[in-house]
Amino acid sequence: MNFDGLFSNFGELTTTGLTQGAIYALVALGYTLVYGVLRLINFAHSEVFIAGAFAAIWTWNGFGLDQDSQVSGVGSILFYLLVAMIVAAIASAGTATVIERVAYRPLRKRNAPPLAFLITAIGASIAISEAFGIWTRRRPEGAPILISQKPLFHLFGVPIDGVQLLTLGAALVMMVALDQFINRSRVGRGIRAVAQDANTAALMGVNKDRIILMVFIAGGTMAGVAGLLYDVRIQSLTYSVGFLLGLKAFTAAVLGGIGNLRGALVGGLLLGVVENYASGLFGSEWKDFAAFAVLVVLLMFRPTGLLGESLGRARA
């Protein structure tokens, strides 16, 4: 155990962990939304994330930017980020809509058993992933350098760069916006009603199919923004990266309390920090092990996760 490495790099490990955890949290929101309403684990959600990430890179390519390009000027940076974010969100939301319409809605109409949904989710995930693999010829796609990772300032001696600020700031803004949407909007009230009792909500005039579709669109939008932030941070993307990141995002959702929006935030940030601490303490090869080990240990003592509040019981 390298305690010297952990303590000497504690600040940097924390900031990079929070940055990665913010991406996990955004993707985890999709898992927790769908589970909160349908009691369904949408394992195809990792490919919804991938759709947004590729859409952002291809948008930049359309403007003539590739992995060797470096953008300068605040106006240009904001323009490319905003356009790519919109396209990524639309691509991910569209992918989520197709998955809901093609894969899940027919099963709901036939009252299929939960196992059928699970198998369909896995099949959809593999099919979409392989489609991206074929399209990209299984080669990595590079993103342009929009924001330099050179430190902008130091906080208690810890260097903070623009990518970290963008990732944490954008993730927190999107999470707050989604939380307010669920708790204060008319559609949000419908989502909470269907999550609590779908049949009673239908009797009260709530269109269940429309609400479920909105849940997939909202989760897809969050995943699209996460895909953009991943591109900006990592600057390289392969078709298979969604599998492990999706598992970690699902782990974050379970850690915080599956079906709990604020739990997804807590779980994502915690997971990112824990795996970074494990990397500093044991070595980078232990990062993934620690991420899933903490899930097992936590669920042994708190099966409902850290917050454990269902979407249907969310406060108005």
Protein backbone atom coordinates (compact mmCIF):
# COMPACT_ATOMS: atom_id res chain seq x y z
CA MET A 1 0.00 0.00 0.00
CA ASN A 2 1.35 3.36 -1.06
CA PHE A 3 0.09 5.68 1.69
CA ASP A 4 2.71 8.28 0.77
CA GLY A 5 1.36 8.39 -2.78
CA LEU A 6 -2.21 8.70 -1.53
CA PHE A 7 -1.57 11.52 0.93
CA SER A 8 0.88 13.43 -1.24
CA ASN A 9 -1.59 13.46 -4.14
CA PHE A 10 -4.76 13.55 -2.04
CA GLY A 11 -5.99 16.87 -3.43
CA GLU A 12 -5.45 15.98 -7.07
CA LEU A 13 -6.97 12.53 -6.60
CA THR A 14 -10.02 14.16 -5.05
CA THR A 15 -10.56 16.73 -7.81
CA THR A 16 -10.05 14.24 -10.64
CA GLY A 17 -12.29 11.77 -8.83
CA LEU A 18 -15.06 14.33 -8.47
CA THR A 19 -14.72 15.20 -12.17
CA GLN A 20 -15.04 11.57 -13.27
CA GLY A 21 -17.76 11.02 -10.70
CA ALA A 22 -19.81 13.86 -12.18
CA ILE A 23 -19.87 12.01 -15.51
CA TYR A 24 -20.92 8.80 -13.73
CA ALA A 25 -23.67 10.72 -11.97
CA LEU A 26 -25.11 12.17 -15.17
CA VAL A 27 -25.32 8.74 -16.77
CA ALA A 28 -26.66 7.25 -13.52
CA LEU A 29 -29.63 9.62 -13.70
CA GLY A 30 -30.91 7.70 -16.71
CA TYR A 31 -30.72 4.39 -14.88
CA THR A 32 -32.43 5.75 -11.80
CA LEU A 33 -35.21 7.51 -13.74
CA VAL A 34 -36.17 4.42 -15.72
CA TYR A 35 -35.97 2.17 -12.68
CA GLY A 36 -37.97 4.61 -10.57
CA VAL A 37 -40.86 4.55 -13.05
CA LEU A 38 -40.72 1.10 -14.66
CA ARG A 39 -38.75 -0.94 -12.13
CA LEU A 40 -36.60 -1.80 -15.14
CA ILE A 41 -32.81 -1.79 -15.35
CA ASN A 42 -32.12 -0.30 -18.77
CA PHE A 43 -28.75 -1.84 -19.61
CA ALA A 44 -28.96 -0.27 -23.07
CA HIS A 45 -28.48 3.15 -21.43
CA SER A 46 -24.69 2.86 -21.78
CA GLU A 47 -25.15 2.97 -25.56
CA VAL A 48 -27.38 6.03 -25.20
CA PHE A 49 -24.31 7.67 -23.66
CA ILE A 50 -22.12 6.47 -26.53
CA ALA A 51 -24.54 7.90 -29.10
CA GLY A 52 -24.19 11.35 -27.57
CA ALA A 53 -20.42 11.08 -27.29
CA PHE A 54 -20.01 10.11 -30.95
CA ALA A 55 -22.54 12.75 -32.04
CA ALA A 56 -20.46 15.46 -30.34
CA ILE A 57 -17.24 14.33 -32.03
CA TRP A 58 -18.89 14.06 -35.44
CA THR A 59 -20.36 17.54 -34.98
CA TRP A 60 -16.88 18.94 -34.40
CA ASN A 61 -15.64 16.98 -37.42
CA GLY A 62 -18.37 18.68 -39.45
CA PHE A 63 -16.83 22.03 -38.53
CA GLY A 64 -13.43 20.79 -39.71
CA LEU A 65 -12.07 20.02 -36.23
CA ASP A 66 -10.19 16.80 -35.53
CA GLN A 67 -8.03 15.42 -32.73
CA ASP A 68 -5.10 17.63 -33.81
CA SER A 69 -7.16 20.83 -33.71
CA GLN A 70 -6.88 23.29 -30.85
CA VAL A 71 -9.57 25.94 -30.54
CA SER A 72 -8.76 29.38 -29.18
CA GLY A 73 -10.99 32.27 -28.24
CA VAL A 74 -13.74 32.18 -25.63
CA GLY A 75 -16.48 32.82 -28.20
CA SER A 76 -15.35 29.96 -30.45
CA ILE A 77 -15.00 27.56 -27.54
CA LEU A 78 -18.48 28.36 -26.22
CA PHE A 79 -19.97 28.04 -29.70
CA TYR A 80 -18.46 24.61 -30.37
CA LEU A 81 -19.38 23.38 -26.90
CA LEU A 82 -22.96 24.62 -27.10
CA VAL A 83 -23.63 23.25 -30.59
CA ALA A 84 -22.07 19.88 -29.76
CA MET A 85 -24.01 19.70 -26.48
CA ILE A 86 -27.31 20.30 -28.26
CA VAL A 87 -26.54 17.71 -30.95
CA ALA A 88 -25.31 15.18 -28.36
CA ALA A 89 -28.41 15.65 -26.22
CA ILE A 90 -30.70 15.24 -29.25
CA ALA A 91 -28.79 12.15 -30.44
CA SER A 92 -28.92 10.47 -27.04
CA ALA A 93 -32.55 11.41 -26.44
CA GLY A 94 -33.41 10.11 -29.90
CA THR A 95 -31.58 6.85 -29.26
CA ALA A 96 -33.37 6.44 -25.94
CA THR A 97 -36.70 7.11 -27.67
CA VAL A 98 -36.02 4.42 -30.28
CA ILE A 99 -35.06 1.93 -27.56
CA GLU A 100 -38.26 2.66 -25.64
CA ARG A 101 -40.51 2.48 -28.72
CA VAL A 102 -38.90 -0.54 -30.40
CA ALA A 103 -37.59 -2.64 -27.52
CA TYR A 104 -39.65 -1.93 -24.40
CA ARG A 105 -43.09 -0.64 -25.37
CA PRO A 106 -44.12 -3.82 -27.25
CA LEU A 107 -43.12 -5.88 -24.21
CA ARG A 108 -45.19 -3.65 -21.92
CA LYS A 109 -48.22 -4.01 -24.17
CA ARG A 110 -47.92 -7.79 -23.92
CA ASN A 111 -47.31 -7.76 -20.14
CA ALA A 112 -44.01 -9.56 -20.66
CA PRO A 113 -42.18 -10.87 -17.57
CA PRO A 114 -39.24 -8.86 -16.13
CA LEU A 115 -36.74 -11.36 -17.53
CA ALA A 116 -37.87 -10.51 -21.06
CA PHE A 117 -37.13 -6.82 -20.44
CA LEU A 118 -33.69 -7.66 -19.07
CA ILE A 119 -32.75 -9.87 -22.03
CA THR A 120 -34.08 -7.27 -24.47
CA ALA A 121 -32.05 -4.53 -22.75
CA ILE A 122 -28.85 -6.57 -23.04
CA GLY A 123 -29.59 -7.43 -26.66
CA ALA A 124 -30.29 -3.78 -27.54
CA SER A 125 -27.08 -2.73 -25.82
CA ILE A 126 -24.95 -5.20 -27.77
CA ALA A 127 -26.68 -4.40 -31.07
CA ILE A 128 -26.16 -0.64 -30.74
CA SER A 129 -22.59 -1.05 -29.56
CA GLU A 130 -21.74 -3.30 -32.50
CA ALA A 131 -23.42 -0.87 -34.89
CA PHE A 132 -21.10 1.89 -33.70
CA GLY A 133 -18.17 -0.52 -33.92
CA ILE A 134 -18.97 -1.33 -37.55
CA TRP A 135 -19.53 2.32 -38.45
CA THR A 136 -16.22 3.43 -36.91
CA ARG A 137 -14.36 0.29 -38.07
CA ARG A 138 -13.56 -0.27 -34.39
CA ARG A 139 -11.06 2.59 -34.45
CA PRO A 140 -10.87 5.31 -31.80
CA GLU A 141 -12.30 8.72 -32.63
CA GLY A 142 -10.40 11.76 -31.41
CA ALA A 143 -11.90 15.00 -30.10
CA PRO A 144 -10.35 18.45 -30.64
CA ILE A 145 -8.74 20.30 -27.77
CA LEU A 146 -11.40 22.80 -26.82
CA ILE A 147 -10.24 23.52 -23.29
CA SER A 148 -6.66 23.30 -22.10
CA GLN A 149 -6.00 21.06 -19.13
CA LYS A 150 -3.36 23.46 -17.82
CA PRO A 151 -4.13 24.72 -14.30
CA LEU A 152 -6.12 27.94 -14.13
CA PHE A 153 -5.59 28.44 -10.41
CA HIS A 154 -4.76 26.55 -7.23
CA LEU A 155 -7.27 25.78 -4.49
CA PHE A 156 -5.55 24.92 -1.20
CA GLY A 157 -2.50 23.99 -3.27
CA VAL A 158 -4.49 21.75 -5.64
CA PRO A 159 -4.33 22.69 -9.35
CA ILE A 160 -7.75 23.26 -10.94
CA ASP A 161 -8.09 23.31 -14.73
CA GLY A 162 -10.83 24.41 -17.09
CA VAL A 163 -11.96 20.88 -17.96
CA GLN A 164 -12.62 20.10 -14.31
CA LEU A 165 -14.58 23.33 -13.86
CA LEU A 166 -16.62 22.69 -17.00
CA THR A 167 -17.37 19.07 -16.11
CA LEU A 168 -18.39 19.72 -12.51
CA GLY A 169 -20.25 22.92 -13.33
CA ALA A 170 -22.20 21.51 -16.27
CA ALA A 171 -23.02 18.30 -14.41
CA LEU A 172 -24.32 20.16 -11.36
CA VAL A 173 -26.40 22.54 -13.49
CA MET A 174 -27.98 19.65 -15.42
CA MET A 175 -28.70 17.72 -12.22
CA VAL A 176 -30.33 20.72 -10.55
CA ALA A 177 -32.37 21.39 -13.69
CA LEU A 178 -33.59 17.77 -13.80
CA ASP A 179 -34.38 17.78 -10.09
CA GLN A 180 -36.47 20.94 -10.47
CA PHE A 181 -38.16 19.55 -13.57
CA ILE A 182 -39.20 16.38 -11.73
CA ASN A 183 -40.34 18.17 -8.59
CA ARG A 184 -41.98 21.32 -9.97
CA SER A 185 -43.23 20.78 -13.53
CA ARG A 186 -46.52 19.24 -14.62
CA VAL A 187 -44.71 16.44 -16.45
CA GLY A 188 -42.58 15.89 -13.37
CA ARG A 189 -45.69 15.43 -11.25
CA GLY A 190 -46.88 12.89 -13.79
CA ILE A 191 -43.56 11.05 -13.57
CA ARG A 192 -43.78 10.89 -9.79
CA ALA A 193 -47.40 9.74 -9.99
CA VAL A 194 -46.60 6.91 -12.41
CA ALA A 195 -43.58 5.93 -10.30
CA GLN A 196 -45.78 5.69 -7.21
CA ASP A 197 -48.76 3.87 -8.76
CA ALA A 198 -49.05 3.62 -12.54
CA ASN A 199 -52.61 2.24 -12.58
CA THR A 200 -53.99 4.88 -10.24
CA ALA A 201 -52.19 7.60 -12.20
CA ALA A 202 -53.82 6.32 -15.41
CA LEU A 203 -57.24 6.47 -13.75
CA MET A 204 -56.53 10.09 -12.83
CA GLY A 205 -55.93 10.95 -16.49
CA VAL A 206 -52.13 10.61 -16.69
CA ASN A 207 -50.96 9.28 -20.06
CA LYS A 208 -48.61 6.54 -18.91
CA ASP A 209 -46.99 5.92 -22.31
CA ARG A 210 -46.25 9.62 -22.73
CA ILE A 211 -44.77 9.87 -19.26
CA ILE A 212 -42.56 6.82 -19.82
CA LEU A 213 -41.34 8.29 -23.10
CA MET A 214 -40.50 11.56 -21.33
CA VAL A 215 -38.51 9.60 -18.75
CA PHE A 216 -36.38 8.03 -21.49
CA ILE A 217 -35.92 11.40 -23.19
CA ALA A 218 -34.86 13.08 -19.93
CA GLY A 219 -32.41 10.30 -19.11
CA GLY A 220 -31.08 10.35 -22.66
CA THR A 221 -30.51 14.09 -22.51
CA MET A 222 -28.42 13.69 -19.35
CA ALA A 223 -26.41 10.90 -21.00
CA GLY A 224 -25.81 13.08 -24.08
CA VAL A 225 -24.34 15.88 -21.96
CA ALA A 226 -22.22 13.28 -20.15
CA GLY A 227 -20.95 12.06 -23.53
CA LEU A 228 -19.88 15.57 -24.48
CA LEU A 229 -18.08 16.06 -21.16
CA TYR A 230 -16.36 12.70 -21.58
CA ASP A 231 -15.08 13.77 -25.01
CA VAL A 232 -13.76 17.06 -23.68
CA ARG A 233 -12.04 15.34 -20.77
CA ILE A 234 -10.64 12.17 -22.39
CA GLN A 235 -10.36 13.43 -26.01
CA SER A 236 -10.61 9.89 -27.36
CA LEU A 237 -13.59 7.59 -27.80
CA THR A 238 -14.07 3.95 -28.82
CA TYR A 239 -17.34 2.14 -29.43
CA SER A 240 -16.81 -0.23 -26.48
CA VAL A 241 -16.11 2.37 -23.78
CA GLY A 242 -19.78 2.59 -22.82
CA PHE A 243 -19.87 -0.92 -21.32
CA LEU A 244 -17.59 -0.31 -18.33
CA LEU A 245 -18.68 3.29 -17.86
CA GLY A 246 -22.30 2.18 -17.96
CA LEU A 247 -21.66 -0.45 -15.31
CA LYS A 248 -20.00 2.14 -13.10
CA ALA A 249 -22.86 4.57 -13.62
CA PHE A 250 -25.32 1.84 -12.68
CA THR A 251 -23.17 1.12 -9.64
CA ALA A 252 -23.36 4.83 -8.74
CA ALA A 253 -27.15 4.74 -9.03
CA VAL A 254 -27.34 1.73 -6.71
CA LEU A 255 -24.87 3.28 -4.27
CA GLY A 256 -26.94 6.42 -3.91
CA GLY A 257 -30.25 4.55 -3.91
CA ILE A 258 -31.69 3.30 -7.20
CA GLY A 259 -34.70 5.40 -8.13
CA ASN A 260 -33.37 8.43 -6.24
CA LEU A 261 -32.19 11.37 -8.37
CA ARG A 262 -30.12 13.00 -5.64
CA GLY A 263 -28.77 9.60 -4.72
CA ALA A 264 -27.40 9.27 -8.26
CA LEU A 265 -25.42 12.48 -7.72
CA VAL A 266 -24.06 11.33 -4.37
CA GLY A 267 -23.29 7.85 -5.66
CA GLY A 268 -21.52 9.11 -8.77
CA LEU A 269 -19.29 11.56 -6.92
CA LEU A 270 -18.52 8.99 -4.22
CA LEU A 271 -17.64 6.32 -6.75
CA GLY A 272 -15.32 8.60 -8.69
CA VAL A 273 -13.46 9.62 -5.55
CA VAL A 274 -13.22 6.09 -4.13
CA GLU A 275 -11.78 4.57 -7.29
CA ASN A 276 -9.24 7.39 -7.53
CA TYR A 277 -8.17 6.91 -3.92
CA ALA A 278 -7.77 3.18 -4.59
CA SER A 279 -5.65 4.02 -7.62
CA GLY A 280 -3.37 6.19 -5.50
CA LEU A 281 -3.19 3.66 -2.68
CA PHE A 282 -2.88 0.35 -4.54
CA GLY A 283 -2.10 1.32 -8.13
CA SER A 284 -4.22 2.14 -11.18
CA GLU A 285 -4.92 -1.54 -11.89
CA TRP A 286 -7.05 -1.67 -8.70
CA LYS A 287 -9.34 1.19 -9.73
CA ASP A 288 -12.13 -0.92 -11.23
CA PHE A 289 -11.90 -3.51 -8.46
CA ALA A 290 -12.38 -0.85 -5.80
CA ALA A 291 -15.35 0.70 -7.62
CA PHE A 292 -17.35 -2.52 -7.51
CA ALA A 293 -16.03 -3.74 -4.16
CA VAL A 294 -17.38 -0.64 -2.41
CA LEU A 295 -20.80 -1.41 -3.89
CA VAL A 296 -20.80 -4.93 -2.46
CA VAL A 297 -19.66 -3.75 0.97
CA LEU A 298 -22.19 -0.92 1.14
CA LEU A 299 -25.13 -3.09 0.07
CA MET A 300 -24.25 -5.63 2.76
CA PHE A 301 -25.03 -2.99 5.40
CA ARG A 302 -27.49 -0.75 3.54
CA PRO A 303 -29.33 -2.63 0.77
CA THR A 304 -31.35 0.42 -0.31
CA GLY A 305 -28.26 2.56 -0.94
CA LEU A 306 -27.09 5.70 0.83
CA LEU A 307 -30.29 7.73 0.43
CA GLY A 308 -32.71 4.96 -0.46
CA GLU A 309 -35.70 7.16 -1.36
CA SER A 310 -37.78 6.10 -4.37
CA LEU A 311 -38.73 8.50 -7.17
CA GLY A 312 -42.39 8.04 -6.35
CA ARG A 313 -41.86 9.46 -2.88
CA ALA A 314 -39.85 12.46 -4.02
CA ARG A 315 -40.94 15.67 -2.37
CA ALA A 316 -42.89 18.20 -4.40
